[in-house]
Amino acid sequence: MTDQQFFEQFGQKVQDGLALWDSPSVAIGVIKDGKVVLCEGYGVRDVEQKLPATRETLYQIGSCSKAFTSALVAIMVDQGKLDWDTPIRKYVPEVTLYDAFTSENCTLRDLLSHRTGIPRHEYSWYRTDFTRKELVEHMKYLEPNQPFRTKFQYNNYGYILAGYIVEKLTGKTYEECLDEYLFRPLGMDRSCCFIDDIEQDPDHAEPYDRPEGGDGMHGLRKIPFYRASREDKSTGTGAPFAAAGSIDSCVEDMLKWVQLHLQGGKTPDGRQIISQAAMDEMHKPSMILQAPLDMPMEETQFCCYGMGWFAEVFRGHKILQHGGNIDGFSGFTSFVPDLNLGVVAYTNLNSSFLHYALARTIIDHYLGIEDGDWVKRYHDFVAERHGDSAKAMERFTGKQVEGTHPSHALEDFTGTYERNGYSPCVIRRQDETLVMEFLDRPNTLKHFHYDTFVTTDIVGELPPGIPVHFHTAEVGGMIDSLAMPLVTEAGGALVRFAKKN
């Protein structure tokens, strides 16, 4: 099938996919042999206003931002200011991690390839009021759950710290570094980092999620942009987590980004802004994944992670790719070096996989494969995963024991519970129930058994049904702490909060 024939049919496939997934929009770009062959928006970027998506529509790209942070480090390596394998203690001696060995030996390669042994600890930064500096300082409180350099564990903190190191060495903010070293040289004129910028742009996508209490596969609910409380464009203060996932961009700009990688670090006008050697370091595998984060598929082998990029063999070809997700947006950035092919896709729907499916459909075309049925396969995968969510909660709660009751009066459970590195957790009584205030929203607790209650609303991005275990003091027997499974990786310990009042 020729490119013309494929793309004539592809538009209908996209529309069918939007209908199947009940999605508002998707924007897709393709660059082949240095030529843009597709750069278009489909569907509506604003459901209520029925505004169409375009090639210039701004989307939040989430963790697709991580490769930009690795690229900034690469530029500093080229300048001789940083080294991939020198312990970061040389650059930020004031920063310590949970144990002395990791603090003394951790390098930028370790941070950028997710091999520090530290799990996500996602809810120690997400929806908190901590500053960028405070998040870095809090890393000494984040327990590892695996030995150093033994296992891939996706972790936003490694990138937050890498961005902090770039700021310290340059004396500029992360956002200023992006503008100076990457956005402007590449002509990525629409790309930005502040929520004010994307909200005020006349061509931006609104964020959507599924309705609460639905089946997770149908319906749309407009949600707010995730605006960190510390972000303030008027003072140049970006989101504390910026280096891990704050970039807003459009497919037109993102094609310029993947072309930089396909051209070995050269801009469209031929300037070498990142050396070929540094590009190779980012792209080569640093850690093997025990299981893919993407949908399991027989077409993919040797899933690895470089620095800011997943590196895998897809149908016998090396592909570099990264997904992204942040409140109301999902993204996919990819390129296949031996095909000289780049494919990018972004959507304004939380935790969507439609864009993954459409991107792999395009890659299949250039591999000479008619149709991998990716839209349906991803849809069935996500539907099955949603159906298993109730069962998944059982691994955190265990089997419910009927006929039990709390060991204390509800009033005894109330108070403020604290834990270093996390926001406080407040438990208050409301009539005959307990309400937990954590991560900027109230959550009614339902008694499960004994002194364990379960949430009835989401915690961060964790679904309802997460257990909150209350514990009693060995002396006196009063309620003195609570614990929640906020670290969901295998081997992750319960996060414990001590009662302060």
Protein backbone atom coordinates (compact mmCIF):
# COMPACT_ATOMS: atom_id res chain seq x y z
CA MET A 1 0.00 0.00 0.00
CA THR A 2 1.38 3.41 -0.93
CA ASP A 3 1.64 6.25 1.60
CA GLN A 4 -1.16 8.09 -0.18
CA GLN A 5 -3.48 5.08 -0.04
CA PHE A 6 -2.63 4.43 3.60
CA PHE A 7 -3.23 7.97 4.81
CA GLU A 8 -6.46 8.25 2.80
CA GLN A 9 -7.77 5.32 4.82
CA PHE A 10 -6.03 6.32 8.05
CA GLY A 11 -8.25 9.37 8.62
CA GLN A 12 -11.31 7.13 8.83
CA LYS A 13 -9.46 4.75 11.15
CA VAL A 14 -8.77 7.68 13.48
CA GLN A 15 -12.43 8.73 13.48
CA ASP A 16 -13.52 5.16 14.16
CA GLY A 17 -10.99 4.99 17.00
CA LEU A 18 -12.26 8.23 18.56
CA ALA A 19 -15.79 6.80 18.47
CA LEU A 20 -14.76 3.41 19.90
CA TRP A 21 -12.76 5.00 22.69
CA ASP A 22 -15.30 7.77 23.28
CA SER A 23 -12.42 10.25 23.08
CA PRO A 24 -12.50 13.99 22.34
CA SER A 25 -9.45 14.41 20.09
CA VAL A 26 -6.07 13.14 19.00
CA ALA A 27 -3.30 14.97 17.16
CA ILE A 28 -0.81 12.92 15.13
CA GLY A 29 2.43 13.75 13.34
CA VAL A 30 4.66 11.64 11.11
CA ILE A 31 8.08 12.53 9.69
CA LYS A 32 9.77 10.18 7.20
CA ASP A 33 13.20 10.71 5.66
CA GLY A 34 13.18 14.31 6.87
CA LYS A 35 9.80 15.11 5.31
CA VAL A 36 6.60 15.74 7.28
CA VAL A 37 4.01 13.39 5.76
CA LEU A 38 1.25 13.89 8.36
CA CYS A 39 0.63 16.66 10.88
CA GLU A 40 -3.02 16.93 11.80
CA GLY A 41 -5.56 17.13 14.59
CA TYR A 42 -8.70 14.99 14.68
CA GLY A 43 -11.84 15.42 16.75
CA VAL A 44 -12.51 18.33 19.09
CA ARG A 45 -10.09 19.92 21.50
CA ASP A 46 -13.01 21.42 23.45
CA VAL A 47 -16.12 19.23 23.59
CA GLU A 48 -18.41 21.89 24.99
CA GLN A 49 -17.38 24.53 22.45
CA LYS A 50 -16.98 21.96 19.62
CA LEU A 51 -13.60 23.45 18.66
CA PRO A 52 -11.59 21.27 16.27
CA ALA A 53 -8.09 20.01 17.06
CA THR A 54 -5.33 21.22 14.72
CA ARG A 55 -1.65 20.63 14.08
CA GLU A 56 -0.94 23.57 16.39
CA THR A 57 -3.25 22.57 19.25
CA LEU A 58 -1.35 22.52 22.54
CA TYR A 59 -1.51 19.35 24.64
CA GLN A 60 0.27 18.52 27.85
CA ILE A 61 2.77 15.78 26.99
CA GLY A 62 3.39 14.55 30.55
CA SER A 63 6.37 12.22 30.90
CA CYS A 64 7.32 12.64 27.25
CA SER A 65 9.03 15.67 28.85
CA LYS A 66 11.64 13.41 30.46
CA ALA A 67 13.65 13.09 27.25
CA PHE A 68 14.04 16.88 27.23
CA THR A 69 15.59 16.73 30.69
CA SER A 70 18.01 14.04 29.54
CA ALA A 71 18.85 16.23 26.54
CA LEU A 72 19.64 19.20 28.81
CA VAL A 73 21.97 16.95 30.81
CA ALA A 74 23.53 15.79 27.53
CA ILE A 75 24.25 19.41 26.57
CA MET A 76 25.91 19.95 29.96
CA VAL A 77 27.96 16.78 29.38
CA ASP A 78 29.09 18.11 26.00
CA GLN A 79 30.11 21.35 27.70
CA GLY A 80 32.17 19.44 30.26
CA LYS A 81 30.02 20.63 33.17
CA LEU A 82 28.53 17.20 33.91
CA ASP A 83 29.42 13.57 33.42
CA TRP A 84 26.98 10.68 33.06
CA ASP A 85 28.85 8.41 35.48
CA THR A 86 30.33 10.72 38.10
CA PRO A 87 28.50 10.55 41.45
CA ILE A 88 26.06 13.45 41.70
CA ARG A 89 27.55 14.27 45.10
CA LYS A 90 30.24 16.16 43.14
CA TYR A 91 27.59 18.56 41.80
CA VAL A 92 25.12 18.69 44.70
CA PRO A 93 26.98 17.67 47.86
CA GLU A 94 24.08 18.95 49.93
CA VAL A 95 21.70 16.31 48.53
CA THR A 96 21.45 12.98 50.33
CA LEU A 97 19.38 9.91 49.59
CA TYR A 98 17.90 7.37 52.00
CA ASP A 99 21.09 5.35 52.52
CA ALA A 100 24.75 6.34 52.51
CA PHE A 101 25.87 3.93 49.76
CA THR A 102 23.34 5.25 47.23
CA SER A 103 24.11 8.85 48.23
CA GLU A 104 27.81 8.33 47.61
CA ASN A 105 27.50 6.41 44.34
CA CYS A 106 24.35 7.60 42.55
CA THR A 107 25.07 9.13 39.12
CA LEU A 108 23.06 10.99 36.53
CA ARG A 109 22.83 7.76 34.52
CA ASP A 110 21.26 6.09 37.57
CA LEU A 111 18.73 8.91 37.98
CA LEU A 112 17.82 9.05 34.30
CA SER A 113 17.50 5.29 33.81
CA HIS A 114 15.30 4.64 36.88
CA ARG A 115 17.73 2.32 38.66
CA THR A 116 18.19 3.94 42.08
CA GLY A 117 16.20 1.27 43.93
CA ILE A 118 13.67 3.92 44.93
CA PRO A 119 10.04 3.28 43.90
CA ARG A 120 7.76 6.07 42.75
CA HIS A 121 6.62 7.52 46.10
CA GLU A 122 4.24 9.34 43.78
CA TYR A 123 2.05 10.82 46.47
CA SER A 124 4.88 12.55 48.26
CA TRP A 125 4.94 15.13 45.42
CA TYR A 126 1.65 14.87 43.51
CA ARG A 127 -0.88 17.47 44.69
CA THR A 128 1.35 18.72 47.49
CA ASP A 129 2.53 22.26 48.34
CA PHE A 130 6.24 21.46 48.39
CA THR A 131 8.72 23.53 46.40
CA ARG A 132 11.20 22.06 43.93
CA LYS A 133 14.00 22.44 46.49
CA GLU A 134 11.92 20.80 49.21
CA LEU A 135 11.14 17.80 46.99
CA VAL A 136 14.87 17.28 46.43
CA GLU A 137 15.55 17.62 50.16
CA HIS A 138 12.80 15.08 50.91
CA MET A 139 14.52 12.37 48.87
CA LYS A 140 16.46 11.35 51.98
CA TYR A 141 13.14 10.18 53.48
CA LEU A 142 12.07 8.01 50.54
CA GLU A 143 12.80 4.37 51.30
CA PRO A 144 14.14 2.16 48.53
CA ASN A 145 12.46 -1.20 48.02
CA GLN A 146 15.14 -2.72 45.79
CA PRO A 147 18.95 -2.78 45.94
CA PHE A 148 20.72 0.02 44.07
CA ARG A 149 21.16 -0.63 40.29
CA THR A 150 19.40 -4.00 40.34
CA LYS A 151 15.93 -3.27 38.99
CA PHE A 152 14.15 -0.79 36.73
CA GLN A 153 11.60 1.20 38.73
CA TYR A 154 9.97 4.15 37.04
CA ASN A 155 10.50 7.16 39.26
CA ASN A 156 9.75 10.86 38.73
CA TYR A 157 12.15 11.93 41.49
CA GLY A 158 15.22 11.01 39.45
CA TYR A 159 14.20 13.58 36.86
CA ILE A 160 13.22 16.20 39.43
CA LEU A 161 16.72 15.89 40.89
CA ALA A 162 18.39 15.91 37.45
CA GLY A 163 16.54 19.13 36.58
CA TYR A 164 17.62 20.61 39.91
CA ILE A 165 21.26 19.81 39.08
CA VAL A 166 20.95 21.52 35.67
CA GLU A 167 19.50 24.59 37.39
CA LYS A 168 22.31 24.70 39.93
CA LEU A 169 25.05 24.44 37.30
CA THR A 170 23.56 26.99 34.90
CA GLY A 171 22.13 29.45 37.40
CA LYS A 172 18.95 29.43 35.31
CA THR A 173 15.54 27.89 35.88
CA TYR A 174 14.65 24.63 34.21
CA GLU A 175 12.15 26.49 32.05
CA GLU A 176 14.78 29.03 30.95
CA CYS A 177 17.13 26.18 30.04
CA LEU A 178 14.47 24.53 27.89
CA ASP A 179 13.89 27.78 26.01
CA GLU A 180 17.56 28.58 25.50
CA TYR A 181 19.02 25.18 24.72
CA LEU A 182 16.17 23.31 23.02
CA PHE A 183 12.95 25.15 22.15
CA ARG A 184 14.52 28.15 20.41
CA PRO A 185 17.27 26.29 18.51
CA LEU A 186 14.67 23.81 17.23
CA GLY A 187 12.07 26.44 16.38
CA MET A 188 9.59 24.91 18.84
CA ASP A 189 7.88 28.27 19.10
CA ARG A 190 4.60 27.02 20.57
CA SER A 191 6.09 24.80 23.27
CA CYS A 192 5.94 26.01 26.86
CA CYS A 193 5.81 24.85 30.48
CA PHE A 194 3.45 27.09 32.43
CA ILE A 195 -0.25 26.35 32.88
CA ASP A 196 -0.95 30.05 32.26
CA ASP A 197 0.60 29.67 28.80
CA ILE A 198 -1.48 26.71 27.70
CA GLU A 199 -4.73 27.96 29.27
CA GLN A 200 -4.43 31.37 27.64
CA ASP A 201 -3.43 30.08 24.22
CA PRO A 202 -6.32 30.35 21.73
CA ASP A 203 -5.56 26.87 20.32
CA HIS A 204 -5.26 24.54 23.29
CA ALA A 205 -6.95 21.27 24.21
CA GLU A 206 -9.10 21.06 27.32
CA PRO A 207 -8.36 18.17 29.72
CA TYR A 208 -10.93 15.35 30.08
CA ASP A 209 -11.38 12.26 32.20
CA ARG A 210 -14.05 9.60 32.56
CA PRO A 211 -17.06 10.35 34.81
CA GLU A 212 -16.65 9.24 38.41
CA GLY A 213 -18.49 6.02 39.16
CA GLY A 214 -18.67 4.98 35.49
CA ASP A 215 -17.19 1.96 33.75
CA GLY A 216 -13.94 3.76 32.96
CA MET A 217 -14.43 3.35 29.22
CA HIS A 218 -17.27 5.71 28.32
CA GLY A 219 -18.31 9.30 28.94
CA LEU A 220 -16.33 12.50 29.26
CA ARG A 221 -15.88 14.89 32.16
CA LYS A 222 -13.92 18.11 31.79
CA ILE A 223 -11.40 18.46 34.61
CA PRO A 224 -9.05 21.29 35.63
CA PHE A 225 -5.46 21.45 34.45
CA TYR A 226 -3.13 20.14 37.13
CA ARG A 227 -1.69 23.39 38.44
CA ALA A 228 0.89 22.97 41.19
CA SER A 229 0.22 25.40 44.02
CA ARG A 230 3.80 26.70 43.84
CA GLU A 231 3.69 27.49 40.12
CA ASP A 232 3.72 31.23 39.41
CA LYS A 233 4.61 32.44 35.95
CA SER A 234 4.78 36.09 37.09
CA THR A 235 7.85 35.22 39.17
CA GLY A 236 9.20 32.59 36.78
CA THR A 237 8.48 29.81 39.27
CA GLY A 238 7.63 26.61 37.44
CA ALA A 239 5.91 23.48 38.64
CA PRO A 240 8.09 21.66 41.22
CA PHE A 241 7.94 18.47 39.13
CA ALA A 242 8.68 20.28 35.84
CA ALA A 243 11.69 18.19 34.80
CA ALA A 244 9.60 15.02 35.06
CA GLY A 245 6.57 16.12 33.07
CA SER A 246 5.48 19.73 32.59
CA ILE A 247 5.89 20.49 28.87
CA ASP A 248 2.99 21.65 26.71
CA SER A 249 3.44 21.21 22.98
CA CYS A 250 1.79 20.44 19.65
CA VAL A 251 2.48 17.80 17.00
CA GLU A 252 4.08 20.36 14.69
CA ASP A 253 6.69 21.20 17.32
CA MET A 254 7.17 17.62 18.48
CA LEU A 255 8.07 16.49 14.99
CA LYS A 256 10.99 18.94 15.18
CA TRP A 257 11.98 17.27 18.44
CA VAL A 258 12.04 13.70 17.08
CA GLN A 259 13.87 14.91 13.97
CA LEU A 260 16.66 16.18 16.25
CA HIS A 261 17.10 12.59 17.42
CA LEU A 262 16.86 11.11 13.94
CA GLN A 263 19.52 13.58 12.74
CA GLY A 264 21.97 12.75 15.52
CA GLY A 265 21.60 15.99 17.48
CA LYS A 266 21.42 18.43 14.57
CA THR A 267 18.85 21.20 14.16
CA PRO A 268 16.96 21.67 10.86
CA ASP A 269 19.60 24.18 9.73
CA GLY A 270 22.42 21.71 10.43
CA ARG A 271 23.74 23.01 13.76
CA GLN A 272 25.02 20.28 16.11
CA ILE A 273 23.44 21.23 19.45
CA ILE A 274 23.98 17.79 21.02
CA SER A 275 26.91 15.56 20.04
CA GLN A 276 26.32 12.21 18.37
CA ALA A 277 28.11 10.57 21.29
CA ALA A 278 25.72 12.11 23.81
CA MET A 279 22.71 11.15 21.67
CA ASP A 280 23.97 7.56 21.59
CA GLU A 281 24.27 7.51 25.38
CA MET A 282 20.65 8.59 25.77
CA HIS A 283 19.38 6.05 23.26
CA LYS A 284 21.30 2.95 24.28
CA PRO A 285 19.78 0.60 26.92
CA SER A 286 20.85 1.21 30.51
CA MET A 287 18.34 -1.06 32.26
CA ILE A 288 16.35 -4.12 31.22
CA LEU A 289 12.66 -4.13 32.13
CA GLN A 290 11.27 -7.23 33.80
CA ALA A 291 7.93 -6.49 32.14
CA PRO A 292 6.83 -3.77 29.69
CA LEU A 293 4.89 -0.79 31.02
CA ASP A 294 2.98 -0.81 27.75
CA MET A 295 0.41 -3.45 26.77
CA PRO A 296 2.11 -6.88 26.65
CA MET A 297 2.54 -7.89 23.01
CA GLU A 298 4.38 -10.61 21.16
CA GLU A 299 5.63 -8.08 18.60
CA THR A 300 7.93 -6.43 21.17
CA GLN A 301 11.10 -7.95 22.61
CA PHE A 302 13.99 -6.77 24.75
CA CYS A 303 12.21 -3.95 26.57
CA CYS A 304 14.84 -1.63 28.01
CA TYR A 305 15.24 1.95 29.18
CA GLY A 306 17.94 4.36 28.11
CA MET A 307 17.89 7.89 29.53
CA GLY A 308 14.54 9.51 28.87
CA TRP A 309 13.59 6.86 26.31
CA PHE A 310 12.27 3.33 26.33
CA ALA A 311 14.34 1.26 23.90
CA GLU A 312 12.75 -1.89 22.52
CA VAL A 313 12.79 -4.20 19.53
CA PHE A 314 9.44 -3.97 17.74
CA ARG A 315 8.96 -6.45 14.90
CA GLY A 316 12.73 -6.75 14.61
CA HIS A 317 13.41 -2.99 14.55
CA LYS A 318 14.78 -0.82 17.32
CA ILE A 319 12.25 1.76 18.41
CA LEU A 320 12.79 4.60 20.88
CA GLN A 321 9.58 5.75 22.53
CA HIS A 322 8.05 7.29 25.62
CA GLY A 323 4.51 7.71 26.85
CA GLY A 324 3.12 10.48 28.99
CA ASN A 325 0.12 11.04 31.19
CA ILE A 326 -0.97 13.93 33.35
CA ASP A 327 -4.43 15.01 34.48
CA GLY A 328 -6.61 14.98 31.35
CA PHE A 329 -3.86 14.31 28.80
CA SER A 330 -1.95 11.34 27.37
CA GLY A 331 0.92 11.28 24.86
CA PHE A 332 3.27 9.09 22.84
CA THR A 333 6.56 10.18 21.25
CA SER A 334 8.51 7.68 19.13
CA PHE A 335 11.05 7.21 16.38
CA VAL A 336 12.50 4.24 14.49
CA PRO A 337 16.12 5.05 13.54
CA ASP A 338 16.66 2.47 10.78
CA LEU A 339 13.46 3.59 9.05
CA ASN A 340 14.31 7.29 9.56
CA LEU A 341 10.77 7.55 10.89
CA GLY A 342 9.23 9.60 13.70
CA VAL A 343 5.65 9.26 14.95
CA VAL A 344 4.05 11.41 17.66
CA ALA A 345 0.49 11.35 19.01
CA TYR A 346 -1.27 13.26 21.81
CA THR A 347 -4.79 13.23 23.19
CA ASN A 348 -6.79 15.21 25.74
CA LEU A 349 -8.11 12.23 27.68
CA ASN A 350 -6.69 10.91 30.92
CA SER A 351 -4.97 7.50 30.77
CA SER A 352 -5.94 6.89 27.15
CA PHE A 353 -4.15 4.38 24.91
CA LEU A 354 -5.80 5.31 21.60
CA HIS A 355 -2.79 7.36 20.56
CA TYR A 356 -0.47 4.39 21.22
CA ALA A 357 -2.66 2.26 18.95
CA LEU A 358 -2.71 4.79 16.12
CA ALA A 359 1.05 5.36 16.32
CA ARG A 360 1.78 1.64 16.10
CA THR A 361 -0.64 1.40 13.16
CA ILE A 362 1.50 3.97 11.32
CA ILE A 363 4.74 2.19 12.21
CA ASP A 364 3.26 -1.07 10.93
CA HIS A 365 2.52 0.61 7.60
CA TYR A 366 6.17 1.60 7.17
CA LEU A 367 7.18 -1.93 8.07
CA GLY A 368 4.96 -3.23 5.26
CA ILE A 369 2.33 -4.73 7.56
CA GLU A 370 -1.26 -3.97 6.59
CA ASP A 371 -2.99 -3.81 9.99
CA GLY A 372 -1.97 -4.97 13.46
CA ASP A 373 -5.51 -4.29 14.72
CA TRP A 374 -3.98 -2.05 17.36
CA VAL A 375 -7.05 0.13 18.05
CA LYS A 376 -9.17 -2.86 19.06
CA ARG A 377 -6.33 -4.67 20.83
CA TYR A 378 -5.51 -1.70 23.05
CA HIS A 379 -9.21 -1.09 23.69
CA ASP A 380 -9.76 -4.68 24.81
CA PHE A 381 -6.64 -4.53 26.99
CA VAL A 382 -7.78 -1.37 28.79
CA ALA A 383 -11.36 -2.65 29.19
CA GLU A 384 -10.08 -5.86 30.78
CA ARG A 385 -7.81 -3.90 33.10
CA HIS A 386 -10.71 -1.73 34.26
CA GLY A 387 -12.77 -4.85 34.87
CA ASP A 388 -10.05 -6.25 37.13
CA SER A 389 -9.71 -3.10 39.26
CA ALA A 390 -11.93 -4.39 42.08
CA LYS A 391 -9.94 -7.61 42.24
CA ALA A 392 -6.71 -5.60 42.21
CA MET A 393 -7.74 -3.81 45.39
CA GLU A 394 -7.91 -7.14 47.21
CA ARG A 395 -4.14 -7.46 47.15
CA PHE A 396 -4.01 -4.34 49.35
CA THR A 397 -6.92 -5.13 51.69
CA GLY A 398 -6.92 -8.92 51.89
CA LYS A 399 -10.15 -10.85 52.41
CA GLN A 400 -12.73 -8.96 54.41
CA VAL A 401 -13.53 -10.39 57.84
CA GLU A 402 -17.24 -10.02 58.48
CA GLY A 403 -18.78 -8.96 61.77
CA THR A 404 -15.85 -6.96 63.17
CA HIS A 405 -15.85 -3.42 64.52
CA PRO A 406 -13.24 -0.74 65.32
CA SER A 407 -11.31 -1.14 68.56
CA HIS A 408 -11.95 2.49 69.58
CA ALA A 409 -14.64 5.11 69.34
CA LEU A 410 -14.48 7.08 66.07
CA GLU A 411 -13.33 10.18 67.91
CA ASP A 412 -10.12 8.38 68.94
CA PHE A 413 -9.10 7.99 65.28
CA THR A 414 -9.28 11.72 64.55
CA GLY A 415 -6.23 13.94 64.42
CA THR A 416 -3.29 14.97 62.29
CA TYR A 417 -0.91 12.26 61.11
CA GLU A 418 2.52 13.18 59.76
CA ARG A 419 5.40 11.51 57.93
CA ASN A 420 8.65 13.07 56.71
CA GLY A 421 8.60 13.79 53.00
CA TYR A 422 4.80 13.63 52.69
CA SER A 423 2.00 16.12 53.28
CA PRO A 424 0.09 15.69 56.56
CA CYS A 425 -2.97 13.44 56.62
CA VAL A 426 -5.89 14.73 58.66
CA ILE A 427 -8.65 12.44 59.94
CA ARG A 428 -11.85 14.09 61.16
CA ARG A 429 -15.24 12.82 62.18
CA GLN A 430 -18.34 13.71 60.21
CA ASP A 431 -21.50 12.37 61.82
CA GLU A 432 -20.95 8.61 62.13
CA THR A 433 -18.13 8.34 59.60
CA LEU A 434 -14.48 9.29 59.30
CA VAL A 435 -13.22 11.65 56.60
CA MET A 436 -9.58 11.74 55.50
CA GLU A 437 -8.12 14.96 54.11
CA PHE A 438 -5.03 14.14 52.08
CA LEU A 439 -3.59 15.44 48.79
CA ASP A 440 -5.90 18.48 48.76
CA ARG A 441 -9.25 16.65 48.82
CA PRO A 442 -11.57 15.04 51.40
CA ASN A 443 -12.20 11.30 51.22
CA THR A 444 -14.93 9.55 53.21
CA LEU A 445 -13.69 6.34 54.81
CA LYS A 446 -15.81 3.21 55.01
CA HIS A 447 -15.19 0.62 57.72
CA PHE A 448 -13.76 -2.57 56.22
CA HIS A 449 -12.83 -4.70 59.21
CA TYR A 450 -11.15 -4.31 62.62
CA ASP A 451 -9.22 -1.01 62.48
CA THR A 452 -8.98 -0.93 58.69
CA PHE A 453 -11.09 1.50 56.66
CA VAL A 454 -11.18 1.94 52.87
CA THR A 455 -11.41 5.08 50.77
CA THR A 456 -14.57 5.81 48.82
CA ASP A 457 -12.89 8.28 46.45
CA ILE A 458 -9.59 8.35 44.58
CA VAL A 459 -6.31 9.07 46.37
CA GLY A 460 -4.16 10.91 43.86
CA GLU A 461 -4.65 8.57 40.91
CA LEU A 462 -5.27 5.44 42.99
CA PRO A 463 -8.84 4.14 42.66
CA PRO A 464 -11.37 4.00 45.50
CA GLY A 465 -10.97 1.07 47.89
CA ILE A 466 -7.43 1.79 49.13
CA PRO A 467 -7.12 0.59 52.74
CA VAL A 468 -6.22 2.91 55.60
CA HIS A 469 -4.88 0.79 58.45
CA PHE A 470 -4.93 2.35 61.93
CA HIS A 471 -2.54 1.08 64.59
CA THR A 472 -2.50 1.26 68.36
CA ALA A 473 0.38 2.15 70.66
CA GLU A 474 2.08 -0.71 72.47
CA VAL A 475 1.87 1.31 75.67
CA GLY A 476 -1.57 2.67 76.50
CA GLY A 477 -3.36 1.15 73.51
CA MET A 478 -4.46 4.44 71.92
CA ILE A 479 -4.50 5.02 68.16
CA ASP A 480 -1.01 6.31 67.33
CA SER A 481 -0.48 5.85 63.55
CA LEU A 482 -1.98 4.93 60.21
CA ALA A 483 -0.55 3.26 57.13
CA MET A 484 -1.57 3.24 53.45
CA PRO A 485 -0.26 1.37 50.37
CA LEU A 486 0.84 4.53 48.55
CA VAL A 487 3.87 2.75 47.08
CA THR A 488 2.24 0.14 44.86
CA GLU A 489 5.32 -1.53 43.34
CA ALA A 490 6.14 -5.07 44.46
CA GLY A 491 8.08 -4.97 47.70
CA GLY A 492 6.94 -1.44 48.50
CA ALA A 493 6.34 -0.87 52.20
CA LEU A 494 3.19 0.72 53.56
CA VAL A 495 3.66 4.44 54.06
CA ARG A 496 3.19 5.11 57.78
CA PHE A 497 2.08 8.39 59.34
CA ALA A 498 2.46 9.05 63.08
CA LYS A 499 -0.37 10.73 64.97
CA LYS A 500 0.68 14.13 66.28
CA ASN A 501 -2.51 15.29 67.98
